[in-house]
Amino acid sequence: MSFIKKHLFLVLFLTLGITFFTRNNFKSVEYIMPEVLGQPQQYEIDNPSVIKFQKNGYAYEVTPIYDYEVNALIVSKLNYKAFSIEKFDRVFPYDLCLIWGSNIASGTYRNKTLKFSQDCRWCFARWYEDVNLNWEEFSNSHLLINNSDIDKKVQSLVFGDQIKIKGQLVNVKAILISNPGSFDASEYTWNSGVGKTGLGAGACKLIYVEKLEILKKANVMSYFLFHVSLYGLLLLTVWKVLCFFNICRTNS
């Protein structure tokens, strides 16, 4: 019994380590949905209605400026909620780094030296060979979500997923209405980029998400094995702790 548990732990540990990386490998994506080869659709809104709500100690005024739809491949995702020290970030926790069009059709996204990373609300791309990355088919998108079902769907997204986002590009004003933390500003103003290029400060898309559709999941087996090994290790750990305190019986 002890021999079996020891080897099971090793198998689960190795599986977790391998799939931790392979589940977020967008370069392994081979089948491309036709939708992500197209361009985003953006239409100016006449007489927009301001969206008002209160959340996490701030009163928000969200002004839609364009209806927006984008089909894209996720090359990076970051949830700022996990480590943010500002209440404001908890309302906009998710940033998605997206590419589409010729960046996918040409196979640019699969270049072995191309890397994407995120920090401080930026998405960075770097490479060490000639890479013809089209900055007009790239976006760092900040998502404003006021729907629990969409929020759960975004939580499940991994690198390589092909998705459709429908919503509105918005400008946001937030005024503090509760006791501030050490790093909370009394007021925030955040405006969406509306141009084609995703390059530079102010180019990021700020999207009020009305609909999110997963066109095709990526690395499904790796994602499944990652969670199986993770929960398997947690169960084995709990079992060992219980046995240590003589709460369970074992034949080992």
Protein backbone atom coordinates (compact mmCIF):
# COMPACT_ATOMS: atom_id res chain seq x y z
CA MET A 1 0.00 0.00 0.00
CA SER A 2 2.81 2.39 0.89
CA PHE A 3 4.60 1.48 -2.38
CA ILE A 4 1.47 2.25 -4.41
CA LYS A 5 0.86 5.58 -2.67
CA LYS A 6 4.50 6.63 -3.10
CA HIS A 7 4.45 5.95 -6.85
CA LEU A 8 1.01 7.49 -7.25
CA PHE A 9 2.27 10.65 -5.57
CA LEU A 10 5.27 10.74 -7.93
CA VAL A 11 3.08 10.25 -11.02
CA LEU A 12 0.67 12.97 -9.94
CA PHE A 13 3.52 15.34 -9.08
CA LEU A 14 5.22 14.86 -12.46
CA THR A 15 1.91 15.20 -14.30
CA LEU A 16 1.17 18.43 -12.45
CA GLY A 17 4.59 19.84 -13.29
CA ILE A 18 4.37 19.00 -16.99
CA THR A 19 0.78 20.10 -17.53
CA PHE A 20 1.34 23.33 -15.59
CA PHE A 21 3.19 24.49 -18.72
CA THR A 22 1.48 22.55 -21.52
CA ARG A 23 -2.04 23.67 -20.55
CA ASN A 24 -1.05 27.27 -21.39
CA ASN A 25 0.91 26.60 -24.57
CA PHE A 26 -0.75 28.67 -27.30
CA LYS A 27 1.89 27.59 -29.83
CA SER A 28 0.52 24.05 -29.77
CA VAL A 29 -2.75 25.24 -31.33
CA GLU A 30 -3.04 23.86 -34.87
CA TYR A 31 -6.72 24.04 -35.79
CA ILE A 32 -7.68 27.67 -36.30
CA MET A 33 -11.27 28.81 -36.36
CA PRO A 34 -12.04 30.95 -39.44
CA GLU A 35 -13.51 33.71 -37.26
CA VAL A 36 -10.17 34.61 -35.66
CA LEU A 37 -8.64 35.36 -39.06
CA GLY A 38 -10.95 38.34 -39.49
CA GLN A 39 -10.82 41.85 -38.06
CA PRO A 40 -12.61 43.33 -35.03
CA GLN A 41 -15.85 45.20 -35.67
CA GLN A 42 -16.23 48.63 -34.13
CA TYR A 43 -19.18 51.02 -34.51
CA GLU A 44 -19.55 54.42 -32.90
CA ILE A 45 -22.49 54.79 -30.48
CA ASP A 46 -24.77 57.80 -30.82
CA ASN A 47 -26.22 59.17 -27.56
CA PRO A 48 -24.79 56.46 -25.30
CA SER A 49 -26.46 55.64 -21.99
CA VAL A 50 -24.12 55.89 -19.02
CA ILE A 51 -23.92 52.71 -16.92
CA LYS A 52 -23.79 53.41 -13.18
CA PHE A 53 -23.06 50.98 -10.37
CA GLN A 54 -21.21 50.69 -7.05
CA LYS A 55 -18.66 48.00 -6.31
CA ASN A 56 -15.70 47.50 -3.97
CA GLY A 57 -16.03 50.94 -2.42
CA TYR A 58 -16.26 52.95 -5.64
CA ALA A 59 -19.12 54.55 -7.55
CA TYR A 60 -18.66 53.92 -11.27
CA GLU A 61 -19.80 55.81 -14.34
CA VAL A 62 -19.16 53.78 -17.48
CA THR A 63 -19.68 55.60 -20.78
CA PRO A 64 -19.90 53.39 -23.89
CA ILE A 65 -18.28 54.91 -26.98
CA TYR A 66 -18.21 52.04 -29.49
CA ASP A 67 -19.97 48.74 -29.98
CA TYR A 68 -17.17 46.22 -30.29
CA GLU A 69 -16.69 42.61 -31.34
CA VAL A 70 -13.42 40.72 -31.59
CA ASN A 71 -12.57 37.10 -32.41
CA ALA A 72 -9.08 36.24 -31.26
CA LEU A 73 -6.52 33.79 -29.88
CA ILE A 74 -5.45 34.26 -26.27
CA VAL A 75 -1.65 34.46 -25.94
CA SER A 76 -1.59 35.63 -22.33
CA LYS A 77 -4.01 36.13 -19.43
CA LEU A 78 -3.54 37.72 -16.03
CA ASN A 79 -5.90 37.98 -13.06
CA TYR A 80 -4.90 41.01 -11.00
CA LYS A 81 -7.36 40.17 -8.24
CA ALA A 82 -4.97 37.61 -6.75
CA PHE A 83 -2.31 40.15 -5.79
CA SER A 84 -3.83 43.60 -6.22
CA ILE A 85 -3.55 46.10 -3.39
CA GLU A 86 -6.13 48.47 -4.93
CA LYS A 87 -9.90 48.11 -4.69
CA PHE A 88 -10.21 49.43 -8.25
CA ASP A 89 -8.34 46.46 -9.71
CA ARG A 90 -10.86 44.02 -8.25
CA VAL A 91 -13.57 45.38 -10.54
CA PHE A 92 -11.33 44.97 -13.61
CA PRO A 93 -9.35 41.89 -12.57
CA TYR A 94 -8.85 40.25 -15.96
CA ASP A 95 -6.55 41.31 -18.77
CA LEU A 96 -6.38 39.27 -21.96
CA CYS A 97 -3.58 39.64 -24.48
CA LEU A 98 -5.14 38.82 -27.86
CA ILE A 99 -3.98 38.35 -31.45
CA TRP A 100 -5.91 37.72 -34.66
CA GLY A 101 -5.76 38.02 -38.45
CA SER A 102 -2.39 37.73 -40.18
CA ASN A 103 -0.59 37.13 -36.88
CA ILE A 104 -2.33 33.76 -36.90
CA ALA A 105 -2.75 33.08 -40.63
CA SER A 106 0.99 33.56 -41.25
CA GLY A 107 1.93 31.28 -38.35
CA THR A 108 3.71 34.16 -36.59
CA TYR A 109 2.23 33.12 -33.25
CA ARG A 110 4.10 29.79 -33.43
CA ASN A 111 7.57 31.33 -33.77
CA LYS A 112 9.69 29.56 -31.16
CA THR A 113 11.29 32.77 -29.87
CA LEU A 114 8.08 34.82 -29.55
CA LYS A 115 7.07 35.35 -25.92
CA PHE A 116 4.23 37.31 -24.31
CA SER A 117 4.01 38.47 -20.70
CA GLN A 118 1.86 40.83 -18.63
CA ASP A 119 2.49 43.18 -15.74
CA CYS A 120 1.22 46.53 -14.46
CA ARG A 121 -1.68 46.43 -16.95
CA TRP A 122 0.68 46.08 -19.91
CA CYS A 123 1.16 43.17 -22.30
CA PHE A 124 4.72 42.74 -23.55
CA ALA A 125 5.94 40.86 -26.62
CA ARG A 126 9.57 39.93 -27.20
CA TRP A 127 11.46 37.78 -29.68
CA TYR A 128 15.00 36.94 -30.81
CA GLU A 129 14.50 36.32 -34.52
CA ASP A 130 12.79 38.21 -37.33
CA VAL A 131 9.13 38.12 -36.34
CA ASN A 132 6.61 40.00 -38.43
CA LEU A 133 4.16 40.78 -35.64
CA ASN A 134 1.36 43.03 -36.85
CA TRP A 135 0.60 45.48 -34.04
CA GLU A 136 -2.74 46.33 -35.65
CA GLU A 137 -3.84 42.76 -35.00
CA PHE A 138 -2.85 42.68 -31.35
CA SER A 139 -4.56 44.01 -28.24
CA ASN A 140 -4.20 44.07 -24.48
CA SER A 141 -7.82 44.06 -23.37
CA HIS A 142 -9.05 45.05 -19.90
CA LEU A 143 -12.38 43.33 -19.19
CA LEU A 144 -15.18 44.93 -17.19
CA ILE A 145 -17.59 42.13 -16.26
CA ASN A 146 -20.85 42.57 -14.42
CA ASN A 147 -22.21 39.05 -14.98
CA SER A 148 -21.36 36.00 -12.85
CA ASP A 149 -21.68 33.51 -15.72
CA ILE A 150 -19.26 35.47 -17.91
CA ASP A 151 -16.90 35.85 -14.95
CA LYS A 152 -16.79 32.07 -14.44
CA LYS A 153 -16.16 31.54 -18.14
CA VAL A 154 -13.25 33.99 -18.12
CA GLN A 155 -11.77 32.21 -15.10
CA SER A 156 -11.67 28.99 -17.14
CA LEU A 157 -9.81 30.53 -20.09
CA VAL A 158 -6.26 29.39 -20.86
CA PHE A 159 -3.62 30.47 -23.35
CA GLY A 160 -4.52 29.21 -26.81
CA ASP A 161 -8.29 29.41 -26.40
CA GLN A 162 -10.02 30.97 -29.38
CA ILE A 163 -12.78 33.30 -28.24
CA LYS A 164 -15.39 35.81 -29.32
CA ILE A 165 -16.01 38.90 -27.19
CA LYS A 166 -18.99 41.18 -27.79
CA GLY A 167 -19.53 44.34 -25.84
CA GLN A 168 -18.65 47.99 -25.81
CA LEU A 169 -15.48 50.03 -25.65
CA VAL A 170 -15.95 52.34 -22.69
CA ASN A 171 -14.54 55.22 -20.73
CA VAL A 172 -14.68 54.83 -16.97
CA LYS A 173 -14.80 57.25 -14.07
CA ALA A 174 -14.67 55.86 -10.53
CA ILE A 175 -15.09 57.90 -7.33
CA LEU A 176 -14.20 56.48 -3.92
CA ILE A 177 -17.24 56.28 -1.61
CA SER A 178 -15.77 54.19 1.23
CA ASN A 179 -12.77 54.37 3.52
CA PRO A 180 -9.68 54.24 1.33
CA GLY A 181 -6.88 51.75 1.70
CA SER A 182 -3.26 52.85 1.72
CA PHE A 183 -3.05 52.66 -2.07
CA ASP A 184 -6.58 53.66 -3.11
CA ALA A 185 -6.95 56.88 -5.06
CA SER A 186 -9.97 59.09 -4.45
CA GLU A 187 -10.80 59.08 -8.16
CA TYR A 188 -9.85 57.14 -11.28
CA THR A 189 -10.35 57.95 -14.94
CA TRP A 190 -9.67 55.20 -17.46
CA ASN A 191 -10.35 55.59 -21.20
CA SER A 192 -10.35 52.87 -23.82
CA GLY A 193 -8.07 52.93 -26.81
CA VAL A 194 -10.10 53.13 -30.02
CA GLY A 195 -7.42 53.01 -32.71
CA LYS A 196 -6.29 49.98 -34.71
CA THR A 197 -2.83 49.63 -33.23
CA GLY A 198 -2.32 47.88 -29.90
CA LEU A 199 1.07 49.50 -29.43
CA GLY A 200 1.89 52.07 -26.75
CA ALA A 201 0.30 53.69 -23.73
CA GLY A 202 -3.42 54.34 -24.08
CA ALA A 203 -3.85 51.74 -26.83
CA CYS A 204 -5.37 49.05 -24.61
CA LYS A 205 -9.02 48.19 -25.17
CA LEU A 206 -11.31 48.67 -22.17
CA ILE A 207 -14.26 46.38 -22.85
CA TYR A 208 -17.60 46.18 -21.05
CA VAL A 209 -18.27 42.52 -21.82
CA GLU A 210 -21.85 41.61 -22.76
CA LYS A 211 -21.11 38.20 -24.27
CA LEU A 212 -18.14 35.86 -24.31
CA GLU A 213 -18.07 32.70 -26.40
CA ILE A 214 -15.33 30.08 -26.45
CA LEU A 215 -14.97 29.19 -30.12
CA LYS A 216 -12.47 26.40 -29.44
CA LYS A 217 -10.72 25.27 -26.28
CA ALA A 218 -6.97 24.70 -26.37
CA ASN A 219 -4.93 21.92 -24.77
CA VAL A 220 -8.02 20.16 -23.43
CA MET A 221 -6.18 17.02 -22.27
CA SER A 222 -3.44 19.01 -20.52
CA TYR A 223 -6.07 21.14 -18.79
CA PHE A 224 -7.94 18.02 -17.63
CA LEU A 225 -4.80 16.20 -16.40
CA PHE A 226 -3.58 19.33 -14.60
CA HIS A 227 -6.73 19.48 -12.49
CA VAL A 228 -6.85 15.71 -11.93
CA SER A 229 -3.24 15.72 -10.67
CA LEU A 230 -3.77 18.87 -8.60
CA TYR A 231 -6.83 17.54 -6.77
CA GLY A 232 -5.26 14.08 -6.52
CA LEU A 233 -2.23 15.53 -4.74
CA LEU A 234 -4.45 17.54 -2.43
CA LEU A 235 -6.42 14.42 -1.49
CA LEU A 236 -3.23 12.42 -0.86
CA THR A 237 -1.87 15.25 1.27
CA VAL A 238 -5.05 15.39 3.36
CA TRP A 239 -4.90 11.60 3.75
CA LYS A 240 -1.30 11.74 4.97
CA VAL A 241 -2.13 14.49 7.46
CA LEU A 242 -5.07 12.51 8.82
CA CYS A 243 -2.90 9.41 9.15
CA PHE A 244 -0.19 11.41 10.90
CA PHE A 245 -2.69 12.32 13.59
CA ASN A 246 -3.98 8.72 13.73
CA ILE A 247 -7.39 9.72 12.42
CA CYS A 248 -7.24 7.11 9.67
CA ARG A 249 -6.08 3.51 9.61
CA THR A 250 -3.52 2.29 7.16
CA ASN A 251 -1.85 -1.02 6.36
CA SER A 252 1.39 0.64 5.27
